[in-house]
Structure formats: C-alpha cells, structure tokens
Amino acid sequence: MTSKKTNSQRGKLDSNDPCAQGEFLRDAMLKMDKNRGLFADRFGTTKKTLNNWLEPPESKEFRKMSRMAWKYISETLKWEGLT
C-alpha cells in the first residue's frame, strides 16, 4: 500500500492557490521544527498574522501571504537544506 503524497511533498505548491498556502506553511514549520510562535518570530511577523495565513481560505480571518513572504520562506528552506 502506498501513501498519498501532498502537493508540498511533490514540490507543486502554487503561491497563487490560497489552499496551498496553509499546506506550505505547515510543511515549512514541520521541516524547520518550529512551533507557530518561533516560526513567526523567525520570519519577522506576529503569531496572529501567521494564524491568519493558516486559516482556511473560506474563513473571514484568512489573509493571503505576500509573494515576498512566500519567497523568503521558500529561500530559507533551500538555504537550510530542508527542501
């Protein structure tokens, strides 16, 4: 029996897809072994902002991450050899 891979495991996350945003962030936190507070601090944002990024797109609290944030987190994962 094979396990189903997520889009992030396949490397196919799209920064324009709001559903992919939460998956990307959760995967990054897992790879970096950081909780929400430490992750937010690492990337110079607040925990509340991170929580809004993690909300499902249909939530009124959902906020789309800027392309700069997406790229900065992606590049950090590469620099740290976590991709």
PDB file of N, CA and C in Angstrom:
ATOM      1  N   MET A   1       0.835  -1.178   0.000  1.00  0.00           N
ATOM      2  CA  MET A   1       0.000   0.000   0.000  1.00  0.00           C
ATOM      3  C   MET A   1       0.884   1.247   0.000  1.00  0.00           C
ATOM      4  N   THR A   2       0.624   2.175  -0.886  1.00  0.00           N
ATOM      5  CA  THR A   2       1.427   3.394  -0.977  1.00  0.00           C
ATOM      6  C   THR A   2       0.727   4.519  -0.236  1.00  0.00           C
ATOM      7  N   SER A   3       1.530   5.421   0.311  1.00  0.00           N
ATOM      8  CA  SER A   3       0.936   6.571   0.996  1.00  0.00           C
ATOM      9  C   SER A   3       0.728   7.693  -0.011  1.00  0.00           C
ATOM     10  N   LYS A   4      -0.314   8.446   0.219  1.00  0.00           N
ATOM     11  CA  LYS A   4      -0.640   9.551  -0.677  1.00  0.00           C
ATOM     12  C   LYS A   4       0.254  10.743  -0.341  1.00  0.00           C
ATOM     13  N   LYS A   5       0.878  11.322  -1.346  1.00  0.00           N
ATOM     14  CA  LYS A   5       1.745  12.477  -1.136  1.00  0.00           C
ATOM     15  C   LYS A   5       0.940  13.769  -1.242  1.00  0.00           C
ATOM     16  N   THR A   6       1.323  14.741  -0.426  1.00  0.00           N
ATOM     17  CA  THR A   6       0.704  16.057  -0.516  1.00  0.00           C
ATOM     18  C   THR A   6       1.362  16.832  -1.642  1.00  0.00           C
ATOM     19  N   ASN A   7       0.745  17.943  -2.034  1.00  0.00           N
ATOM     20  CA  ASN A   7       1.335  18.787  -3.078  1.00  0.00           C
ATOM     21  C   ASN A   7       2.714  19.280  -2.675  1.00  0.00           C
ATOM     22  N   SER A   8       2.901  19.605  -1.381  1.00  0.00           N
ATOM     23  CA  SER A   8       4.203  20.103  -0.956  1.00  0.00           C
ATOM     24  C   SER A   8       5.268  19.022  -1.066  1.00  0.00           C
ATOM     25  N   GLN A   9       4.901  17.761  -0.846  1.00  0.00           N
ATOM     26  CA  GLN A   9       5.858  16.672  -0.992  1.00  0.00           C
ATOM     27  C   GLN A   9       6.210  16.457  -2.455  1.00  0.00           C
ATOM     28  N   ARG A  10       5.312  16.814  -3.347  1.00  0.00           N
ATOM     29  CA  ARG A  10       5.566  16.697  -4.778  1.00  0.00           C
ATOM     30  C   ARG A  10       6.262  17.939  -5.321  1.00  0.00           C
ATOM     31  N   GLY A  11       6.372  18.991  -4.505  1.00  0.00           N
ATOM     32  CA  GLY A  11       7.003  20.231  -4.942  1.00  0.00           C
ATOM     33  C   GLY A  11       6.142  21.038  -5.884  1.00  0.00           C
ATOM     34  N   LYS A  12       4.813  20.910  -5.787  1.00  0.00           N
ATOM     35  CA  LYS A  12       3.917  21.557  -6.737  1.00  0.00           C
ATOM     36  C   LYS A  12       2.999  22.576  -6.073  1.00  0.00           C
ATOM     37  N   LEU A  13       3.460  23.274  -5.070  1.00  0.00           N
ATOM     38  CA  LEU A  13       2.617  24.282  -4.436  1.00  0.00           C
ATOM     39  C   LEU A  13       2.657  25.567  -5.245  1.00  0.00           C
ATOM     40  N   ASP A  14       1.514  26.191  -5.365  1.00  0.00           N
ATOM     41  CA  ASP A  14       1.376  27.417  -6.148  1.00  0.00           C
ATOM     42  C   ASP A  14       1.055  28.559  -5.203  1.00  0.00           C
ATOM     43  N   SER A  15       1.899  29.590  -5.188  1.00  0.00           N
ATOM     44  CA  SER A  15       1.686  30.717  -4.287  1.00  0.00           C
ATOM     45  C   SER A  15       0.404  31.476  -4.590  1.00  0.00           C
ATOM     46  N   ASN A  16      -0.190  31.238  -5.751  1.00  0.00           N
ATOM     47  CA  ASN A  16      -1.466  31.888  -6.081  1.00  0.00           C
ATOM     48  C   ASN A  16      -2.668  31.076  -5.619  1.00  0.00           C
ATOM     49  N   ASP A  17      -2.440  29.869  -5.141  1.00  0.00           N
ATOM     50  CA  ASP A  17      -3.511  28.991  -4.678  1.00  0.00           C
ATOM     51  C   ASP A  17      -3.674  29.165  -3.166  1.00  0.00           C
ATOM     52  N   PRO A  18      -4.777  29.776  -2.717  1.00  0.00           N
ATOM     53  CA  PRO A  18      -4.944  30.010  -1.284  1.00  0.00           C
ATOM     54  C   PRO A  18      -4.986  28.725  -0.463  1.00  0.00           C
ATOM     55  N   CYS A  19      -5.444  27.632  -1.036  1.00  0.00           N
ATOM     56  CA  CYS A  19      -5.480  26.359  -0.305  1.00  0.00           C
ATOM     57  C   CYS A  19      -4.066  25.839  -0.065  1.00  0.00           C
ATOM     58  N   ALA A  20      -3.159  26.126  -0.981  1.00  0.00           N
ATOM     59  CA  ALA A  20      -1.777  25.655  -0.865  1.00  0.00           C
ATOM     60  C   ALA A  20      -1.006  26.419   0.210  1.00  0.00           C
ATOM     61  N   GLN A  21      -1.433  27.617   0.532  1.00  0.00           N
ATOM     62  CA  GLN A  21      -0.716  28.461   1.484  1.00  0.00           C
ATOM     63  C   GLN A  21      -0.581  27.789   2.849  1.00  0.00           C
ATOM     64  N   GLY A  22      -1.672  27.303   3.399  1.00  0.00           N
ATOM     65  CA  GLY A  22      -1.634  26.647   4.706  1.00  0.00           C
ATOM     66  C   GLY A  22      -0.782  25.394   4.686  1.00  0.00           C
ATOM     67  N   GLU A  23      -0.894  24.624   3.607  1.00  0.00           N
ATOM     68  CA  GLU A  23      -0.099  23.402   3.461  1.00  0.00           C
ATOM     69  C   GLU A  23       1.392  23.750   3.407  1.00  0.00           C
ATOM     70  N   PHE A  24       1.724  24.777   2.644  1.00  0.00           N
ATOM     71  CA  PHE A  24       3.109  25.231   2.530  1.00  0.00           C
ATOM     72  C   PHE A  24       3.663  25.639   3.895  1.00  0.00           C
ATOM     73  N   LEU A  25       2.885  26.423   4.642  1.00  0.00           N
ATOM     74  CA  LEU A  25       3.344  26.902   5.949  1.00  0.00           C
ATOM     75  C   LEU A  25       3.480  25.766   6.957  1.00  0.00           C
ATOM     76  N   ARG A  26       2.520  24.879   7.001  1.00  0.00           N
ATOM     77  CA  ARG A  26       2.602  23.749   7.932  1.00  0.00           C
ATOM     78  C   ARG A  26       3.804  22.862   7.611  1.00  0.00           C
ATOM     79  N   ASP A  27       4.038  22.633   6.327  1.00  0.00           N
ATOM     80  CA  ASP A  27       5.182  21.840   5.903  1.00  0.00           C
ATOM     81  C   ASP A  27       6.494  22.535   6.294  1.00  0.00           C
ATOM     82  N   ALA A  28       6.562  23.842   6.109  1.00  0.00           N
ATOM     83  CA  ALA A  28       7.767  24.601   6.465  1.00  0.00           C
ATOM     84  C   ALA A  28       8.005  24.557   7.974  1.00  0.00           C
ATOM     85  N   MET A  29       6.953  24.720   8.766  1.00  0.00           N
ATOM     86  CA  MET A  29       7.111  24.663  10.223  1.00  0.00           C
ATOM     87  C   MET A  29       7.599  23.285  10.657  1.00  0.00           C
ATOM     88  N   LEU A  30       7.065  22.251  10.036  1.00  0.00           N
ATOM     89  CA  LEU A  30       7.475  20.884  10.364  1.00  0.00           C
ATOM     90  C   LEU A  30       8.942  20.668  10.002  1.00  0.00           C
ATOM     91  N   LYS A  31       9.324  21.072   8.791  1.00  0.00           N
ATOM     92  CA  LYS A  31      10.715  20.893   8.351  1.00  0.00           C
ATOM     93  C   LYS A  31      11.685  21.678   9.225  1.00  0.00           C
ATOM     94  N   MET A  32      11.276  22.857   9.664  1.00  0.00           N
ATOM     95  CA  MET A  32      12.151  23.696  10.492  1.00  0.00           C
ATOM     96  C   MET A  32      12.040  23.355  11.976  1.00  0.00           C
ATOM     97  N   ASP A  33      11.124  22.453  12.308  1.00  0.00           N
ATOM     98  CA  ASP A  33      10.899  22.040  13.687  1.00  0.00           C
ATOM     99  C   ASP A  33      10.617  23.247  14.597  1.00  0.00           C
ATOM    100  N   LYS A  34       9.677  24.090  14.138  1.00  0.00           N
ATOM    101  CA  LYS A  34       9.312  25.292  14.899  1.00  0.00           C
ATOM    102  C   LYS A  34       7.812  25.324  15.139  1.00  0.00           C
ATOM    103  N   ASN A  35       7.442  25.766  16.337  1.00  0.00           N
ATOM    104  CA  ASN A  35       6.031  25.985  16.606  1.00  0.00           C
ATOM    105  C   ASN A  35       5.625  27.325  15.999  1.00  0.00           C
ATOM    106  N   ARG A  36       4.353  27.668  16.102  1.00  0.00           N
ATOM    107  CA  ARG A  36       3.867  28.896  15.465  1.00  0.00           C
ATOM    108  C   ARG A  36       4.573  30.150  15.975  1.00  0.00           C
ATOM    109  N   GLY A  37       4.798  30.236  17.265  1.00  0.00           N
ATOM    110  CA  GLY A  37       5.458  31.414  17.828  1.00  0.00           C
ATOM    111  C   GLY A  37       6.884  31.578  17.328  1.00  0.00           C
ATOM    112  N   LEU A  38       7.641  30.498  17.352  1.00  0.00           N
ATOM    113  CA  LEU A  38       9.035  30.549  16.886  1.00  0.00           C
ATOM    114  C   LEU A  38       9.117  30.794  15.382  1.00  0.00           C
ATOM    115  N   PHE A  39       8.212  30.179  14.635  1.00  0.00           N
ATOM    116  CA  PHE A  39       8.197  30.363  13.188  1.00  0.00           C
ATOM    117  C   PHE A  39       7.885  31.821  12.840  1.00  0.00           C
ATOM    118  N   ALA A  40       6.869  32.376  13.473  1.00  0.00           N
ATOM    119  CA  ALA A  40       6.506  33.777  13.222  1.00  0.00           C
ATOM    120  C   ALA A  40       7.677  34.697  13.556  1.00  0.00           C
ATOM    121  N   ASP A  41       8.311  34.448  14.693  1.00  0.00           N
ATOM    122  CA  ASP A  41       9.450  35.272  15.099  1.00  0.00           C
ATOM    123  C   ASP A  41      10.604  35.143  14.107  1.00  0.00           C
ATOM    124  N   ARG A  42      10.859  33.941  13.613  1.00  0.00           N
ATOM    125  CA  ARG A  42      11.945  33.703  12.656  1.00  0.00           C
ATOM    126  C   ARG A  42      11.772  34.524  11.384  1.00  0.00           C
ATOM    127  N   PHE A  43      10.499  34.727  10.986  1.00  0.00           N
ATOM    128  CA  PHE A  43      10.234  35.436   9.738  1.00  0.00           C
ATOM    129  C   PHE A  43       9.719  36.858   9.951  1.00  0.00           C
ATOM    130  N   GLY A  44       9.863  37.366  11.169  1.00  0.00           N
ATOM    131  CA  GLY A  44       9.581  38.773  11.431  1.00  0.00           C
ATOM    132  C   GLY A  44       8.117  39.157  11.337  1.00  0.00           C
ATOM    133  N   THR A  45       7.253  38.239  11.716  1.00  0.00           N
ATOM    134  CA  THR A  45       5.828  38.551  11.716  1.00  0.00           C
ATOM    135  C   THR A  45       5.247  38.202  13.081  1.00  0.00           C
ATOM    136  N   THR A  46       4.001  38.486  13.269  1.00  0.00           N
ATOM    137  CA  THR A  46       3.361  38.157  14.542  1.00  0.00           C
ATOM    138  C   THR A  46       2.697  36.793  14.449  1.00  0.00           C
ATOM    139  N   LYS A  47       2.462  36.203  15.591  1.00  0.00           N
ATOM    140  CA  LYS A  47       1.761  34.919  15.624  1.00  0.00           C
ATOM    141  C   LYS A  47       0.344  35.072  15.079  1.00  0.00           C
ATOM    142  N   LYS A  48      -0.291  36.212  15.347  1.00  0.00           N
ATOM    143  CA  LYS A  48      -1.642  36.458  14.838  1.00  0.00           C
ATOM    144  C   LYS A  48      -1.645  36.470  13.303  1.00  0.00           C
ATOM    145  N   THR A  49      -0.664  37.142  12.707  1.00  0.00           N
ATOM    146  CA  THR A  49      -0.563  37.164  11.241  1.00  0.00           C
ATOM    147  C   THR A  49      -0.364  35.756  10.707  1.00  0.00           C
ATOM    148  N   LEU A  50       0.533  34.993  11.323  1.00  0.00           N
ATOM    149  CA  LEU A  50       0.754  33.609  10.898  1.00  0.00           C
ATOM    150  C   LEU A  50      -0.539  32.805  11.012  1.00  0.00           C
ATOM    151  N   ASN A  51      -1.247  32.975  12.111  1.00  0.00           N
ATOM    152  CA  ASN A  51      -2.521  32.266  12.275  1.00  0.00           C
ATOM    153  C   ASN A  51      -3.505  32.631  11.170  1.00  0.00           C
ATOM    154  N   ASN A  52      -3.540  33.901  10.770  1.00  0.00           N
ATOM    155  CA  ASN A  52      -4.426  34.328   9.675  1.00  0.00           C
ATOM    156  C   ASN A  52      -4.007  33.695   8.352  1.00  0.00           C
ATOM    157  N   TRP A  53      -2.712  33.547   8.138  1.00  0.00           N
ATOM    158  CA  TRP A  53      -2.224  32.891   6.925  1.00  0.00           C
ATOM    159  C   TRP A  53      -2.609  31.417   6.912  1.00  0.00           C
ATOM    160  N   LEU A  54      -2.706  30.809   8.101  1.00  0.00           N
ATOM    161  CA  LEU A  54      -3.010  29.385   8.216  1.00  0.00           C
ATOM    162  C   LEU A  54      -4.504  29.068   8.168  1.00  0.00           C
ATOM    163  N   GLU A  55      -5.333  30.065   8.285  1.00  0.00           N
ATOM    164  CA  GLU A  55      -6.785  29.848   8.238  1.00  0.00           C
ATOM    165  C   GLU A  55      -7.192  29.296   6.873  1.00  0.00           C
ATOM    166  N   PRO A  56      -8.279  28.537   6.820  1.00  0.00           N
ATOM    167  CA  PRO A  56      -8.769  28.095   5.510  1.00  0.00           C
ATOM    168  C   PRO A  56      -9.241  29.299   4.700  1.00  0.00           C
ATOM    169  N   PRO A  57      -9.116  29.261   3.388  1.00  0.00           N
ATOM    170  CA  PRO A  57      -9.469  30.411   2.542  1.00  0.00           C
ATOM    171  C   PRO A  57     -10.899  30.916   2.731  1.00  0.00           C
ATOM    172  N   GLU A  58     -11.812  30.038   3.120  1.00  0.00           N
ATOM    173  CA  GLU A  58     -13.200  30.480   3.287  1.00  0.00           C
ATOM    174  C   GLU A  58     -13.446  31.203   4.615  1.00  0.00           C
ATOM    175  N   SER A  59     -12.454  31.215   5.496  1.00  0.00           N
ATOM    176  CA  SER A  59     -12.590  31.897   6.784  1.00  0.00           C
ATOM    177  C   SER A  59     -12.498  33.410   6.605  1.00  0.00           C
ATOM    178  N   LYS A  60     -13.266  34.133   7.382  1.00  0.00           N
ATOM    179  CA  LYS A  60     -13.183  35.603   7.308  1.00  0.00           C
ATOM    180  C   LYS A  60     -11.864  36.115   7.883  1.00  0.00           C
ATOM    181  N   GLU A  61     -11.164  35.276   8.641  1.00  0.00           N
ATOM    182  CA  GLU A  61      -9.865  35.656   9.209  1.00  0.00           C
ATOM    183  C   GLU A  61      -8.690  35.386   8.258  1.00  0.00           C
ATOM    184  N   PHE A  62      -8.942  34.630   7.187  1.00  0.00           N
ATOM    185  CA  PHE A  62      -7.877  34.280   6.242  1.00  0.00           C
ATOM    186  C   PHE A  62      -7.262  35.528   5.624  1.00  0.00           C
ATOM    187  N   ARG A  63      -5.937  35.522   5.536  1.00  0.00           N
ATOM    188  CA  ARG A  63      -5.199  36.572   4.838  1.00  0.00           C
ATOM    189  C   ARG A  63      -4.187  35.898   3.929  1.00  0.00           C
ATOM    190  N   LYS A  64      -4.112  36.395   2.715  1.00  0.00           N
ATOM    191  CA  LYS A  64      -3.149  35.854   1.756  1.00  0.00           C
ATOM    192  C   LYS A  64      -1.757  36.384   2.078  1.00  0.00           C
ATOM    193  N   MET A  65      -0.787  35.487   2.033  1.00  0.00           N
ATOM    194  CA  MET A  65       0.604  35.880   2.237  1.00  0.00           C
ATOM    195  C   MET A  65       1.099  36.658   1.032  1.00  0.00           C
ATOM    196  N   SER A  66       1.965  37.614   1.279  1.00  0.00           N
ATOM    197  CA  SER A  66       2.561  38.338   0.159  1.00  0.00           C
ATOM    198  C   SER A  66       3.522  37.410  -0.578  1.00  0.00           C
ATOM    199  N   ARG A  67       3.765  37.713  -1.843  1.00  0.00           N
ATOM    200  CA  ARG A  67       4.734  36.918  -2.621  1.00  0.00           C
ATOM    201  C   ARG A  67       6.115  36.984  -1.972  1.00  0.00           C
ATOM    202  N   MET A  68       6.439  38.127  -1.373  1.00  0.00           N
ATOM    203  CA  MET A  68       7.735  38.277  -0.731  1.00  0.00           C
ATOM    204  C   MET A  68       7.871  37.297   0.443  1.00  0.00           C
ATOM    205  N   ALA A  69       6.819  37.169   1.255  1.00  0.00           N
ATOM    206  CA  ALA A  69       6.865  36.237   2.388  1.00  0.00           C
ATOM    207  C   ALA A  69       7.012  34.802   1.887  1.00  0.00           C
ATOM    208  N   TRP A  70       6.222  34.458   0.869  1.00  0.00           N
ATOM    209  CA  TRP A  70       6.279  33.105   0.302  1.00  0.00           C
ATOM    210  C   TRP A  70       7.699  32.808  -0.185  1.00  0.00           C
ATOM    211  N   LYS A  71       8.284  33.756  -0.915  1.00  0.00           N
ATOM    212  CA  LYS A  71       9.626  33.559  -1.467  1.00  0.00           C
ATOM    213  C   LYS A  71      10.680  33.502  -0.355  1.00  0.00           C
ATOM    214  N   TYR A  72      10.552  34.362   0.636  1.00  0.00           N
ATOM    215  CA  TYR A  72      11.517  34.391   1.743  1.00  0.00           C
ATOM    216  C   TYR A  72      11.514  33.054   2.496  1.00  0.00           C
ATOM    217  N   ILE A  73      10.343  32.526   2.776  1.00  0.00           N
ATOM    218  CA  ILE A  73      10.253  31.241   3.471  1.00  0.00           C
ATOM    219  C   ILE A  73      10.811  30.135   2.580  1.00  0.00           C
ATOM    220  N   SER A  74      10.463  30.141   1.297  1.00  0.00           N
ATOM    221  CA  SER A  74      10.975  29.140   0.348  1.00  0.00           C
ATOM    222  C   SER A  74      12.497  29.172   0.277  1.00  0.00           C
ATOM    223  N   GLU A  75      13.046  30.370   0.152  1.00  0.00           N
ATOM    224  CA  GLU A  75      14.503  30.513   0.057  1.00  0.00           C
ATOM    225  C   GLU A  75      15.182  30.078   1.352  1.00  0.00           C
ATOM    226  N   THR A  76      14.589  30.372   2.489  1.00  0.00           N
ATOM    227  CA  THR A  76      15.156  29.963   3.766  1.00  0.00           C
ATOM    228  C   THR A  76      15.212  28.443   3.864  1.00  0.00           C
ATOM    229  N   LEU A  77      14.151  27.786   3.423  1.00  0.00           N
ATOM    230  CA  LEU A  77      14.153  26.313   3.424  1.00  0.00           C
ATOM    231  C   LEU A  77      15.277  25.782   2.536  1.00  0.00           C
ATOM    232  N   LYS A  78      15.493  26.404   1.392  1.00  0.00           N
ATOM    233  CA  LYS A  78      16.592  25.986   0.500  1.00  0.00           C
ATOM    234  C   LYS A  78      17.950  26.216   1.164  1.00  0.00           C
ATOM    235  N   TRP A  79      18.144  27.426   1.736  1.00  0.00           N
ATOM    236  CA  TRP A  79      19.422  27.775   2.360  1.00  0.00           C
ATOM    237  C   TRP A  79      19.766  26.817   3.502  1.00  0.00           C
ATOM    238  N   GLU A  80      18.727  26.366   4.209  1.00  0.00           N
ATOM    239  CA  GLU A  80      18.945  25.477   5.352  1.00  0.00           C
ATOM    240  C   GLU A  80      18.941  24.004   4.947  1.00  0.00           C
ATOM    241  N   GLY A  81      18.861  23.740   3.639  1.00  0.00           N
ATOM    242  CA  GLY A  81      18.907  22.376   3.129  1.00  0.00           C
ATOM    243  C   GLY A  81      17.689  21.532   3.507  1.00  0.00           C
ATOM    244  N   LEU A  82      16.531  22.179   3.587  1.00  0.00           N
ATOM    245  CA  LEU A  82      15.330  21.478   4.041  1.00  0.00           C
ATOM    246  C   LEU A  82      14.323  21.212   2.927  1.00  0.00           C
ATOM    247  N   THR A  83      14.704  21.470   1.672  1.00  0.00           N
ATOM    248  CA  THR A  83      13.779  21.208   0.565  1.00  0.00           C
ATOM    249  C   THR A  83      14.197  19.980  -0.200  1.00  0.00           C
TER     250      THR A  83
END
